[in-house]
Amino acid sequence: MFLFPFSDDNPTKNKPLITYCLIGICCFIFLWQFTLPPGLFRSAVYNFGVVPASLLGSKEGYLPATITIFTSMFMHGGWLHLIGNMVFLWIFGDNVEDSMGRVKFIIFYLLAGIAAAYTQALIDPSSEIPMIGASGAIAGVLGAYLLLHPKANVNVLLWIIIFITVIRVPASIVLGFWIISQFFYLGVASTGEGGVAYFAHIGGFIAGMALIPFFKDAGPRPLKLEISTCRS
């Protein structure tokens, strides 16, 4: 069985300009990456990706390790990596941005990415394998969306062998299934080898849930009815 969300039925009040910009920057940098010869492509990944051993101070890198946390968020390893991340950001980012405003959304997104990078690094601090991708920061967006709109309908592509259809599923089920699957994949992934940084996904998701109460707008205050009395 294969589940892939591609849209939601959750309109926004404001145009999500920051979400659009993040998608645009990631796509632009990805296209730049693939204009590079194979050798330079690998060098770019190692120089601008997050290397746990560098981040935790046991190895020096090309850039200061803290800077690579941010550069790595805009790089991707392949078309499927990019498309998967950008679709999730497209679906869920607009509503999260709408809930807190543009400036706070930028800060929230970067903090979720930082939490994701450190979670993965602390699990395997001696690793010299670079991490790239927006997955950790986007996982924070997913965690925030789960708390903000658990009952929102998400349109999901359901594929079972040769049967393909589209179904509408509550966000709580879609995102709950996603985070549970990250723990499942941890059980079959090999530690110390290249691949998907599942701990980064989990760390970003938890960070998003923890941060959203501090970042979401309180919403409009109810109008108070003021009554004046006349005394004779």
Protein backbone atom coordinates (compact mmCIF):
# COMPACT_ATOMS: atom_id res chain seq x y z
CA MET A 1 0.00 0.00 0.00
CA PHE A 2 1.27 3.46 -0.93
CA LEU A 3 -0.15 6.73 0.46
CA PHE A 4 0.88 10.09 -0.94
CA PRO A 5 -0.86 13.36 0.06
CA PHE A 6 -1.03 15.99 -2.68
CA SER A 7 -3.43 18.69 -1.40
CA ASP A 8 -5.70 19.66 1.46
CA ASP A 9 -9.11 21.31 1.82
CA ASN A 10 -7.90 24.00 4.20
CA PRO A 11 -7.97 27.55 2.79
CA THR A 12 -5.77 30.36 4.10
CA LYS A 13 -6.55 34.00 4.77
CA ASN A 14 -3.26 35.30 3.39
CA LYS A 15 -1.04 34.37 0.48
CA PRO A 16 1.80 32.16 1.80
CA LEU A 17 4.68 34.14 0.28
CA ILE A 18 7.35 32.64 2.55
CA THR A 19 6.27 29.10 1.67
CA TYR A 20 6.44 30.00 -2.02
CA CYS A 21 9.88 31.55 -1.55
CA LEU A 22 11.23 28.50 0.29
CA ILE A 23 9.99 26.23 -2.50
CA GLY A 24 11.48 28.53 -5.13
CA ILE A 25 14.89 28.72 -3.42
CA CYS A 26 15.06 24.93 -2.96
CA CYS A 27 14.19 24.36 -6.64
CA PHE A 28 16.71 26.96 -7.82
CA ILE A 29 19.54 25.50 -5.74
CA PHE A 30 18.64 21.99 -6.85
CA LEU A 31 18.90 23.04 -10.50
CA TRP A 32 22.27 24.64 -9.73
CA GLN A 33 23.46 21.41 -8.09
CA PHE A 34 22.65 19.40 -11.20
CA THR A 35 24.57 21.73 -13.49
CA LEU A 36 27.71 20.68 -11.62
CA PRO A 37 29.99 17.86 -12.80
CA PRO A 38 29.74 14.73 -10.60
CA GLY A 39 32.91 15.54 -8.70
CA LEU A 40 31.83 19.09 -7.88
CA PHE A 41 28.34 17.86 -6.99
CA ARG A 42 29.81 15.56 -4.35
CA SER A 43 32.07 18.36 -3.10
CA ALA A 44 29.07 20.69 -2.78
CA VAL A 45 27.19 18.10 -0.73
CA TYR A 46 30.16 17.59 1.62
CA ASN A 47 30.94 21.29 1.91
CA PHE A 48 27.40 22.60 2.38
CA GLY A 49 25.75 19.60 4.04
CA VAL A 50 25.66 19.03 7.80
CA VAL A 51 28.35 16.60 8.92
CA PRO A 52 27.60 15.40 12.48
CA ALA A 53 31.29 15.08 13.39
CA SER A 54 31.84 18.71 12.37
CA LEU A 55 28.67 19.99 14.01
CA LEU A 56 29.66 18.48 17.36
CA GLY A 57 33.24 19.70 17.12
CA SER A 58 35.28 16.56 16.44
CA LYS A 59 36.11 17.44 12.84
CA GLU A 60 36.64 20.67 10.92
CA GLY A 61 34.72 21.35 7.73
CA TYR A 62 34.89 23.74 4.79
CA LEU A 63 32.34 26.08 6.38
CA PRO A 64 31.58 26.70 10.06
CA ALA A 65 29.38 23.78 11.08
CA THR A 66 26.56 26.00 12.32
CA ILE A 67 26.34 27.67 8.89
CA THR A 68 25.94 24.30 7.16
CA ILE A 69 22.75 23.70 9.13
CA PHE A 70 21.16 26.45 7.04
CA THR A 71 22.84 25.71 3.71
CA SER A 72 21.89 22.04 3.97
CA MET A 73 18.18 22.92 4.29
CA PHE A 74 18.09 24.09 0.68
CA MET A 75 19.97 21.21 -0.98
CA HIS A 76 18.56 17.87 -2.16
CA GLY A 77 20.04 14.62 -3.38
CA GLY A 78 17.69 13.84 -6.29
CA TRP A 79 14.42 14.60 -8.03
CA LEU A 80 12.32 12.36 -5.78
CA HIS A 81 13.91 13.87 -2.69
CA LEU A 82 13.12 17.38 -3.91
CA ILE A 83 9.60 16.68 -5.18
CA GLY A 84 8.54 14.80 -2.04
CA ASN A 85 9.74 17.60 0.24
CA MET A 86 8.29 20.41 -1.85
CA VAL A 87 4.86 18.75 -2.14
CA PHE A 88 4.66 18.38 1.64
CA LEU A 89 5.77 21.99 2.13
CA TRP A 90 3.21 23.13 -0.47
CA ILE A 91 0.35 21.27 1.23
CA PHE A 92 1.04 22.06 4.86
CA GLY A 93 3.30 25.12 4.88
CA ASP A 94 0.67 27.65 3.81
CA ASN A 95 -1.63 27.00 6.76
CA VAL A 96 1.20 26.99 9.29
CA GLU A 97 2.53 30.25 7.86
CA ASP A 98 -1.00 31.67 7.99
CA SER A 99 -1.27 30.75 11.67
CA MET A 100 1.74 32.79 12.76
CA GLY A 101 2.61 35.35 10.09
CA ARG A 102 5.55 35.52 7.72
CA VAL A 103 8.36 36.67 9.99
CA LYS A 104 7.58 34.20 12.76
CA PHE A 105 7.18 31.43 10.20
CA ILE A 106 10.74 31.98 8.94
CA ILE A 107 12.08 31.76 12.49
CA PHE A 108 9.93 28.72 13.24
CA TYR A 109 11.07 26.93 10.07
CA LEU A 110 14.75 27.53 10.78
CA LEU A 111 14.45 26.48 14.43
CA ALA A 112 12.77 23.21 13.39
CA GLY A 113 15.62 22.62 10.93
CA ILE A 114 18.21 23.28 13.64
CA ALA A 115 16.48 20.86 16.02
CA ALA A 116 16.36 18.22 13.29
CA ALA A 117 20.06 18.54 12.48
CA TYR A 118 21.15 18.31 16.11
CA THR A 119 18.86 15.34 16.79
CA GLN A 120 20.47 13.36 13.97
CA ALA A 121 23.97 14.47 14.94
CA LEU A 122 23.56 13.53 18.60
CA ILE A 123 22.40 10.04 17.63
CA ASP A 124 25.52 9.42 15.53
CA PRO A 125 28.08 12.08 16.62
CA SER A 126 31.08 10.51 14.88
CA SER A 127 29.42 10.26 11.48
CA GLU A 128 31.17 12.00 8.59
CA ILE A 129 28.24 11.45 6.21
CA PRO A 130 26.73 14.81 5.20
CA MET A 131 23.01 15.46 5.64
CA ILE A 132 21.14 17.57 3.09
CA GLY A 133 17.49 18.35 2.49
CA ALA A 134 14.60 20.36 3.86
CA SER A 135 13.00 17.28 5.42
CA GLY A 136 13.83 18.16 9.02
CA ALA A 137 12.43 21.69 8.82
CA ILE A 138 9.38 20.46 6.90
CA ALA A 139 8.84 17.79 9.55
CA GLY A 140 8.50 20.68 11.99
CA VAL A 141 5.80 22.14 9.75
CA LEU A 142 4.00 18.79 9.81
CA GLY A 143 4.12 18.65 13.60
CA ALA A 144 2.69 22.16 13.80
CA TYR A 145 -0.06 21.38 11.29
CA LEU A 146 -1.06 18.30 13.28
CA LEU A 147 -1.77 20.44 16.34
CA LEU A 148 -3.35 23.31 14.41
CA HIS A 149 -5.62 21.42 12.01
CA PRO A 150 -6.00 17.76 13.05
CA LYS A 151 -9.45 17.48 11.45
CA ALA A 152 -8.61 19.16 8.12
CA ASN A 153 -9.18 16.90 5.12
CA VAL A 154 -6.10 15.89 3.13
CA ASN A 155 -6.44 14.49 -0.38
CA VAL A 156 -4.34 11.35 -0.60
CA LEU A 157 -3.35 9.15 -3.52
CA LEU A 158 -3.97 5.54 -2.45
CA TRP A 159 -2.15 2.86 -4.45
CA ILE A 160 -2.67 -0.85 -3.66
CA ILE A 161 -0.95 -3.10 -6.24
CA ILE A 162 -2.91 -2.13 -9.39
CA PHE A 163 -5.70 -0.23 -7.64
CA ILE A 164 -5.26 3.56 -7.60
CA THR A 165 -7.73 6.07 -6.22
CA VAL A 166 -7.94 9.37 -4.35
CA ILE A 167 -9.38 9.52 -0.85
CA ARG A 168 -9.90 12.28 1.71
CA VAL A 169 -8.33 11.56 5.08
CA PRO A 170 -8.15 13.70 8.24
CA ALA A 171 -4.75 15.31 8.75
CA SER A 172 -4.40 13.57 12.12
CA ILE A 173 -4.38 10.18 10.37
CA VAL A 174 -2.10 11.25 7.50
CA LEU A 175 0.49 12.91 9.72
CA GLY A 176 0.16 10.31 12.47
CA PHE A 177 0.85 7.61 9.90
CA TRP A 178 3.84 9.59 8.61
CA ILE A 179 5.56 10.03 11.98
CA ILE A 180 4.89 6.42 13.02
CA SER A 181 6.42 5.26 9.73
CA GLN A 182 9.64 7.14 10.59
CA PHE A 183 10.05 4.99 13.71
CA PHE A 184 9.29 1.87 11.68
CA TYR A 185 11.93 2.73 9.08
CA LEU A 186 14.46 3.23 11.88
CA GLY A 187 14.10 -0.45 12.68
CA VAL A 188 15.13 -1.52 9.19
CA ALA A 189 17.70 1.20 8.42
CA SER A 190 21.41 0.55 8.91
CA THR A 191 23.17 2.90 11.31
CA GLY A 192 26.32 4.55 10.00
CA GLU A 193 25.44 4.21 6.32
CA GLY A 194 24.14 6.83 3.93
CA GLY A 195 20.40 7.09 3.47
CA VAL A 196 17.43 8.89 4.99
CA ALA A 197 18.02 10.79 8.23
CA TYR A 198 14.97 9.47 10.09
CA PHE A 199 16.07 10.86 13.44
CA ALA A 200 16.17 14.32 11.85
CA HIS A 201 12.55 13.85 10.75
CA ILE A 202 11.52 12.80 14.25
CA GLY A 203 13.45 15.63 15.90
CA GLY A 204 12.00 18.23 13.54
CA PHE A 205 8.44 16.92 14.02
CA ILE A 206 8.69 17.03 17.82
CA ALA A 207 10.26 20.50 17.66
CA GLY A 208 7.39 21.75 15.50
CA MET A 209 4.83 20.49 17.99
CA ALA A 210 6.75 22.03 20.88
CA LEU A 211 7.24 25.40 19.18
CA ILE A 212 3.78 26.01 17.73
CA PRO A 213 2.16 27.18 21.01
CA PHE A 214 4.78 29.97 21.18
CA PHE A 215 4.54 31.00 17.52
CA LYS A 216 0.88 30.80 16.53
CA ASP A 217 -1.13 33.98 16.69
CA ALA A 218 -3.67 34.23 19.47
CA GLY A 219 -6.40 35.06 16.95
CA PRO A 220 -8.95 37.85 17.03
CA ARG A 221 -10.16 38.87 20.45
CA PRO A 222 -13.91 38.77 21.05
CA LEU A 223 -15.60 42.15 21.02
CA LYS A 224 -16.72 43.37 24.42
CA LEU A 225 -20.14 44.93 24.65
CA GLU A 226 -19.89 48.12 26.62
CA ILE A 227 -23.10 49.42 28.26
CA SER A 228 -23.39 52.88 29.69
CA THR A 229 -26.11 53.75 32.13
CA CYS A 230 -27.69 57.10 32.76
CA ARG A 231 -28.45 58.19 36.25
CA SER A 232 -31.09 60.80 36.90
